[in-house]
Amino acid sequence: MDAILFYGIIILLALGFLAFVWHVVGGWLALIADFLAGVLKLLWGIVKVAFWVVTLPFRLIVAVFRLFRKKPTASREQDVPSV
């Protein structure tokens, strides 16, 4: 009877230790995953800003060209009504 009690206590301690280790490992994995998600979010923000910094001058140039381009005149063929 003493052996059953002794080994039962050993098994309960082992299960408690395994539960503790499981929570520790799960916490570390959650911490690492959260860190990687933050890094990816930061990198995505940097890519978006870099995209705007690179494309903004070209968008401004296109806008200026659209302001000062000549409007297409209507061709004479379009003014003549069809017979």
Protein backbone atom coordinates (compact mmCIF):
# COMPACT_ATOMS: atom_id res chain seq x y z
CA MET A 1 0.00 0.00 0.00
CA ASP A 2 2.90 2.30 0.68
CA ALA A 3 4.28 1.74 -2.85
CA ILE A 4 0.96 2.68 -4.46
CA LEU A 5 0.79 5.87 -2.40
CA PHE A 6 4.44 6.68 -3.12
CA TYR A 7 4.16 6.10 -6.86
CA GLY A 8 0.81 7.96 -6.96
CA ILE A 9 2.46 10.99 -5.41
CA ILE A 10 5.38 10.71 -7.84
CA ILE A 11 2.94 10.52 -10.80
CA LEU A 12 0.96 13.52 -9.55
CA LEU A 13 4.16 15.53 -9.13
CA ALA A 14 5.30 14.52 -12.61
CA LEU A 15 1.92 15.52 -14.09
CA GLY A 16 2.07 18.84 -12.26
CA PHE A 17 5.58 19.45 -13.53
CA LEU A 18 4.53 18.55 -17.08
CA ALA A 19 1.56 20.95 -16.85
CA PHE A 20 3.90 23.67 -15.62
CA VAL A 21 6.37 23.00 -18.46
CA TRP A 22 3.47 22.94 -20.95
CA HIS A 23 2.33 26.40 -19.79
CA VAL A 24 5.88 27.76 -19.85
CA VAL A 25 6.52 26.48 -23.38
CA GLY A 26 3.11 27.72 -24.54
CA GLY A 27 3.84 31.13 -23.05
CA TRP A 28 7.20 31.32 -24.77
CA LEU A 29 5.66 30.28 -28.09
CA ALA A 30 2.92 32.90 -27.70
CA LEU A 31 5.56 35.51 -26.86
CA ILE A 32 7.65 34.59 -29.91
CA ALA A 33 4.58 34.56 -32.18
CA ASP A 34 3.48 37.96 -30.86
CA PHE A 35 6.97 39.35 -31.42
CA LEU A 36 7.09 38.02 -34.99
CA ALA A 37 3.64 39.45 -35.71
CA GLY A 38 4.82 42.84 -34.44
CA VAL A 39 7.95 42.67 -36.59
CA LEU A 40 5.89 41.78 -39.66
CA LYS A 41 3.47 44.63 -38.92
CA LEU A 42 6.39 47.04 -38.57
CA LEU A 43 7.97 45.82 -41.82
CA TRP A 44 4.63 46.14 -43.63
CA GLY A 45 4.32 49.73 -42.38
CA ILE A 46 7.83 50.50 -43.60
CA VAL A 47 7.02 48.99 -47.02
CA LYS A 48 3.84 51.09 -47.27
CA VAL A 49 5.68 54.29 -46.39
CA ALA A 50 8.52 53.46 -48.80
CA PHE A 51 5.95 52.80 -51.54
CA TRP A 52 4.35 56.22 -50.98
CA VAL A 53 7.74 57.95 -50.81
CA VAL A 54 8.79 56.35 -54.09
CA THR A 55 5.53 56.83 -55.99
CA LEU A 56 4.50 60.27 -54.71
CA PRO A 57 6.90 62.27 -56.93
CA PHE A 58 5.69 60.39 -59.99
CA ARG A 59 2.06 60.99 -59.03
CA LEU A 60 2.80 64.70 -58.61
CA ILE A 61 4.54 64.83 -62.00
CA VAL A 62 1.56 63.12 -63.64
CA ALA A 63 -0.82 65.55 -61.92
CA VAL A 64 1.18 68.55 -63.17
CA PHE A 65 1.25 67.16 -66.71
CA ARG A 66 -2.51 66.63 -66.61
CA LEU A 67 -3.01 70.24 -65.53
CA PHE A 68 -0.99 71.71 -68.38
CA ARG A 69 -1.63 69.29 -71.24
CA LYS A 70 -3.61 70.45 -74.21
CA LYS A 71 -7.17 69.30 -74.31
CA PRO A 72 -7.87 67.19 -77.39
CA THR A 73 -9.84 69.16 -79.94
CA ALA A 74 -12.85 67.60 -81.56
CA SER A 75 -12.08 66.36 -85.04
CA ARG A 76 -14.02 67.73 -87.98
CA GLU A 77 -15.31 64.31 -88.84
CA GLN A 78 -17.22 64.18 -85.58
CA ASP A 79 -18.82 67.61 -86.16
CA VAL A 80 -20.29 66.65 -89.55
CA PRO A 81 -23.69 65.05 -89.09
CA SER A 82 -24.14 61.75 -90.89
CA VAL A 83 -26.34 61.88 -93.96
